[in-house]
Amino acid sequence: MVVGVLKVDLHIPGNNSLKGKRQVLRSLKDRMKGRFNVSVAEVAEEDLWQRAILGIAVVSNDRSHANQVLSKVVDLIESSASVEVVDYEIELL
């Protein structure tokens, strides 16, 4: 069993409230969960309007599959017009 963990640091440009941030993140998290069947949570920067750090996890029986799923998640996030990826890190356990 392989657990893949992705930590993504996001910038949400043009956002001016926590309510707006929650709307953007909820939409993004729902797309990730529906498309890739991953677990997603905001793990840091909860009180900042334009920043968020998401933790994303996937469980697989193959290291390359877990890495591939998390790479596709990063691609999905980068294709979103509402957020910018500042940094990300993938770790396989």
N, C-alpha and C. Protein backbone atom coordinates (compact mmCIF):
# COMPACT_ATOMS: atom_id res chain seq x y z
N MET A 1 0.84 -1.18 0.00
CA MET A 1 0.00 0.00 0.00
C MET A 1 0.89 1.24 0.00
N VAL A 2 0.52 2.19 -0.83
CA VAL A 2 1.26 3.45 -0.96
C VAL A 2 0.31 4.60 -0.66
N VAL A 3 0.77 5.53 0.16
CA VAL A 3 0.01 6.75 0.44
C VAL A 3 0.76 7.90 -0.21
N GLY A 4 0.09 8.61 -1.09
CA GLY A 4 0.67 9.79 -1.72
C GLY A 4 0.11 11.03 -1.08
N VAL A 5 1.00 11.96 -0.75
CA VAL A 5 0.59 13.21 -0.10
C VAL A 5 1.09 14.37 -0.93
N LEU A 6 0.20 15.31 -1.20
CA LEU A 6 0.52 16.51 -1.96
C LEU A 6 0.23 17.72 -1.09
N LYS A 7 1.20 18.60 -0.95
CA LYS A 7 1.02 19.86 -0.24
C LYS A 7 1.13 20.97 -1.27
N VAL A 8 0.06 21.77 -1.39
CA VAL A 8 0.01 22.82 -2.40
C VAL A 8 -0.18 24.17 -1.72
N ASP A 9 0.72 25.11 -2.02
CA ASP A 9 0.64 26.48 -1.53
C ASP A 9 -0.02 27.32 -2.62
N LEU A 10 -1.16 27.93 -2.29
CA LEU A 10 -1.94 28.67 -3.29
C LEU A 10 -2.04 30.15 -2.97
N HIS A 11 -2.11 30.94 -4.02
CA HIS A 11 -2.43 32.37 -3.93
C HIS A 11 -3.76 32.56 -4.64
N ILE A 12 -4.67 33.30 -4.00
CA ILE A 12 -5.99 33.55 -4.57
C ILE A 12 -6.07 35.03 -4.88
N PRO A 13 -5.68 35.43 -6.10
CA PRO A 13 -5.63 36.86 -6.43
C PRO A 13 -7.03 37.48 -6.51
N GLY A 14 -7.12 38.74 -6.12
CA GLY A 14 -8.37 39.47 -6.23
C GLY A 14 -9.40 39.12 -5.17
N ASN A 15 -9.06 38.27 -4.25
CA ASN A 15 -10.01 37.88 -3.20
C ASN A 15 -9.90 38.87 -2.05
N ASN A 16 -11.06 39.26 -1.48
CA ASN A 16 -11.02 40.25 -0.40
C ASN A 16 -11.82 39.84 0.84
N SER A 17 -12.11 38.54 0.98
CA SER A 17 -12.81 38.09 2.18
C SER A 17 -12.59 36.59 2.39
N LEU A 18 -12.79 36.16 3.62
CA LEU A 18 -12.69 34.73 3.91
C LEU A 18 -13.84 33.97 3.25
N LYS A 19 -14.99 34.63 3.13
CA LYS A 19 -16.13 33.99 2.47
C LYS A 19 -15.80 33.70 1.00
N GLY A 20 -15.18 34.65 0.33
CA GLY A 20 -14.78 34.45 -1.06
C GLY A 20 -13.75 33.34 -1.19
N LYS A 21 -12.82 33.30 -0.24
CA LYS A 21 -11.80 32.26 -0.23
C LYS A 21 -12.45 30.89 -0.08
N ARG A 22 -13.39 30.76 0.84
CA ARG A 22 -14.08 29.49 1.06
C ARG A 22 -14.81 29.02 -0.20
N GLN A 23 -15.44 29.95 -0.92
CA GLN A 23 -16.16 29.60 -2.15
C GLN A 23 -15.20 29.06 -3.20
N VAL A 24 -14.08 29.74 -3.38
CA VAL A 24 -13.08 29.31 -4.37
C VAL A 24 -12.55 27.93 -4.00
N LEU A 25 -12.17 27.75 -2.74
CA LEU A 25 -11.59 26.48 -2.31
C LEU A 25 -12.61 25.35 -2.34
N ARG A 26 -13.86 25.62 -1.98
CA ARG A 26 -14.89 24.58 -2.01
C ARG A 26 -15.07 24.06 -3.44
N SER A 27 -15.13 24.98 -4.39
CA SER A 27 -15.28 24.58 -5.80
C SER A 27 -14.10 23.73 -6.25
N LEU A 28 -12.89 24.19 -5.91
CA LEU A 28 -11.68 23.47 -6.32
C LEU A 28 -11.62 22.09 -5.66
N LYS A 29 -11.93 22.02 -4.36
CA LYS A 29 -11.89 20.74 -3.65
C LYS A 29 -12.92 19.77 -4.21
N ASP A 30 -14.12 20.26 -4.53
CA ASP A 30 -15.15 19.39 -5.09
C ASP A 30 -14.73 18.81 -6.43
N ARG A 31 -14.08 19.62 -7.27
CA ARG A 31 -13.60 19.11 -8.56
C ARG A 31 -12.53 18.05 -8.37
N MET A 32 -11.59 18.28 -7.44
CA MET A 32 -10.53 17.29 -7.19
C MET A 32 -11.11 15.98 -6.68
N LYS A 33 -12.02 16.08 -5.71
CA LYS A 33 -12.62 14.87 -5.13
C LYS A 33 -13.41 14.09 -6.17
N GLY A 34 -14.20 14.80 -6.97
CA GLY A 34 -15.03 14.13 -7.96
C GLY A 34 -14.25 13.51 -9.09
N ARG A 35 -13.19 14.16 -9.49
CA ARG A 35 -12.43 13.68 -10.65
C ARG A 35 -11.39 12.63 -10.30
N PHE A 36 -10.75 12.77 -9.12
CA PHE A 36 -9.62 11.90 -8.78
C PHE A 36 -9.83 11.05 -7.53
N ASN A 37 -10.96 11.21 -6.83
CA ASN A 37 -11.24 10.43 -5.62
C ASN A 37 -10.10 10.56 -4.59
N VAL A 38 -9.72 11.79 -4.30
CA VAL A 38 -8.68 12.09 -3.33
C VAL A 38 -9.32 12.75 -2.11
N SER A 39 -8.59 12.76 -1.01
CA SER A 39 -9.01 13.48 0.19
C SER A 39 -8.31 14.83 0.19
N VAL A 40 -9.06 15.89 0.51
CA VAL A 40 -8.52 17.25 0.45
C VAL A 40 -8.90 18.01 1.72
N ALA A 41 -7.94 18.77 2.27
CA ALA A 41 -8.22 19.62 3.42
C ALA A 41 -7.32 20.84 3.37
N GLU A 42 -7.84 21.96 3.87
CA GLU A 42 -7.01 23.15 4.04
C GLU A 42 -6.23 22.94 5.33
N VAL A 43 -4.91 22.97 5.25
CA VAL A 43 -4.09 22.61 6.41
C VAL A 43 -3.34 23.77 7.03
N ALA A 44 -3.34 24.93 6.38
CA ALA A 44 -2.64 26.10 6.95
C ALA A 44 -3.15 27.36 6.26
N GLU A 45 -2.80 28.49 6.84
CA GLU A 45 -3.16 29.82 6.32
C GLU A 45 -4.68 30.01 6.27
N GLU A 46 -5.40 29.44 7.24
CA GLU A 46 -6.86 29.52 7.24
C GLU A 46 -7.39 30.94 7.40
N ASP A 47 -6.65 31.82 8.07
CA ASP A 47 -7.14 33.17 8.35
C ASP A 47 -6.71 34.21 7.33
N LEU A 48 -5.95 33.83 6.33
CA LEU A 48 -5.50 34.78 5.31
C LEU A 48 -6.44 34.73 4.11
N TRP A 49 -6.81 35.89 3.60
CA TRP A 49 -7.78 35.98 2.51
C TRP A 49 -7.26 35.45 1.19
N GLN A 50 -5.99 35.69 0.89
CA GLN A 50 -5.48 35.38 -0.44
C GLN A 50 -4.47 34.24 -0.45
N ARG A 51 -4.34 33.52 0.65
CA ARG A 51 -3.41 32.40 0.71
C ARG A 51 -4.11 31.17 1.25
N ALA A 52 -3.69 30.01 0.80
CA ALA A 52 -4.21 28.75 1.32
C ALA A 52 -3.16 27.67 1.09
N ILE A 53 -3.08 26.75 2.00
CA ILE A 53 -2.25 25.57 1.83
C ILE A 53 -3.17 24.36 1.95
N LEU A 54 -3.21 23.58 0.88
CA LEU A 54 -4.07 22.39 0.85
C LEU A 54 -3.22 21.14 1.00
N GLY A 55 -3.75 20.18 1.73
CA GLY A 55 -3.17 18.85 1.82
C GLY A 55 -4.07 17.88 1.08
N ILE A 56 -3.50 17.12 0.18
CA ILE A 56 -4.26 16.19 -0.65
C ILE A 56 -3.62 14.81 -0.50
N ALA A 57 -4.46 13.79 -0.30
CA ALA A 57 -3.94 12.44 -0.11
C ALA A 57 -4.65 11.44 -1.02
N VAL A 58 -3.89 10.45 -1.47
CA VAL A 58 -4.45 9.35 -2.26
C VAL A 58 -3.78 8.06 -1.79
N VAL A 59 -4.55 6.98 -1.77
CA VAL A 59 -4.04 5.66 -1.41
C VAL A 59 -4.11 4.79 -2.65
N SER A 60 -3.01 4.07 -2.91
CA SER A 60 -2.93 3.23 -4.09
C SER A 60 -2.11 1.98 -3.78
N ASN A 61 -2.13 1.05 -4.71
CA ASN A 61 -1.28 -0.13 -4.55
C ASN A 61 0.00 -0.02 -5.37
N ASP A 62 0.18 1.13 -6.05
CA ASP A 62 1.33 1.32 -6.93
C ASP A 62 1.88 2.74 -6.78
N ARG A 63 3.18 2.85 -6.59
CA ARG A 63 3.80 4.17 -6.40
C ARG A 63 3.62 5.07 -7.62
N SER A 64 3.78 4.50 -8.80
CA SER A 64 3.67 5.34 -10.01
C SER A 64 2.24 5.83 -10.21
N HIS A 65 1.25 5.01 -9.84
CA HIS A 65 -0.15 5.43 -9.96
C HIS A 65 -0.44 6.58 -9.00
N ALA A 66 0.02 6.47 -7.75
CA ALA A 66 -0.19 7.54 -6.77
C ALA A 66 0.47 8.83 -7.23
N ASN A 67 1.69 8.73 -7.74
CA ASN A 67 2.40 9.91 -8.23
C ASN A 67 1.68 10.53 -9.43
N GLN A 68 1.18 9.68 -10.32
CA GLN A 68 0.47 10.15 -11.50
C GLN A 68 -0.82 10.87 -11.12
N VAL A 69 -1.57 10.33 -10.18
CA VAL A 69 -2.82 10.97 -9.74
C VAL A 69 -2.52 12.34 -9.14
N LEU A 70 -1.51 12.42 -8.27
CA LEU A 70 -1.19 13.70 -7.64
C LEU A 70 -0.66 14.71 -8.65
N SER A 71 0.08 14.26 -9.65
CA SER A 71 0.54 15.16 -10.70
C SER A 71 -0.63 15.71 -11.50
N LYS A 72 -1.62 14.88 -11.75
CA LYS A 72 -2.82 15.35 -12.46
C LYS A 72 -3.62 16.32 -11.62
N VAL A 73 -3.62 16.13 -10.30
CA VAL A 73 -4.28 17.08 -9.41
C VAL A 73 -3.60 18.44 -9.51
N VAL A 74 -2.27 18.44 -9.52
CA VAL A 74 -1.53 19.70 -9.67
C VAL A 74 -1.90 20.37 -10.99
N ASP A 75 -1.98 19.59 -12.07
CA ASP A 75 -2.36 20.13 -13.38
C ASP A 75 -3.76 20.75 -13.33
N LEU A 76 -4.69 20.09 -12.65
CA LEU A 76 -6.05 20.62 -12.51
C LEU A 76 -6.04 21.95 -11.77
N ILE A 77 -5.28 22.02 -10.68
CA ILE A 77 -5.21 23.26 -9.90
C ILE A 77 -4.58 24.37 -10.73
N GLU A 78 -3.50 24.05 -11.44
CA GLU A 78 -2.83 25.07 -12.26
C GLU A 78 -3.72 25.57 -13.40
N SER A 79 -4.64 24.74 -13.87
CA SER A 79 -5.52 25.16 -14.95
C SER A 79 -6.68 26.02 -14.46
N SER A 80 -6.86 26.10 -13.15
CA SER A 80 -7.94 26.91 -12.58
C SER A 80 -7.58 28.40 -12.70
N ALA A 81 -8.53 29.19 -13.17
CA ALA A 81 -8.31 30.62 -13.34
C ALA A 81 -8.39 31.37 -12.01
N SER A 82 -8.97 30.75 -10.99
CA SER A 82 -9.20 31.46 -9.73
C SER A 82 -8.06 31.37 -8.73
N VAL A 83 -7.08 30.50 -8.97
CA VAL A 83 -5.95 30.36 -8.04
C VAL A 83 -4.63 30.26 -8.81
N GLU A 84 -3.56 30.58 -8.10
CA GLU A 84 -2.20 30.43 -8.64
C GLU A 84 -1.42 29.51 -7.71
N VAL A 85 -0.71 28.56 -8.27
CA VAL A 85 0.12 27.66 -7.48
C VAL A 85 1.45 28.35 -7.20
N VAL A 86 1.74 28.58 -5.92
CA VAL A 86 3.00 29.19 -5.52
C VAL A 86 4.08 28.12 -5.43
N ASP A 87 3.73 26.99 -4.83
CA ASP A 87 4.68 25.89 -4.65
C ASP A 87 3.88 24.62 -4.36
N TYR A 88 4.49 23.48 -4.64
CA TYR A 88 3.88 22.21 -4.28
C TYR A 88 4.95 21.17 -4.02
N GLU A 89 4.56 20.15 -3.25
CA GLU A 89 5.48 19.08 -2.88
C GLU A 89 4.72 17.77 -2.85
N ILE A 90 5.23 16.77 -3.54
CA ILE A 90 4.64 15.44 -3.54
C ILE A 90 5.54 14.50 -2.75
N GLU A 91 4.92 13.73 -1.85
CA GLU A 91 5.65 12.76 -1.06
C GLU A 91 4.91 11.43 -1.10
N LEU A 92 5.63 10.36 -1.32
CA LEU A 92 5.05 9.02 -1.35
C LEU A 92 5.54 8.25 -0.13
N LEU A 93 4.61 7.70 0.62
CA LEU A 93 4.95 6.97 1.84
C LEU A 93 4.68 5.49 1.67
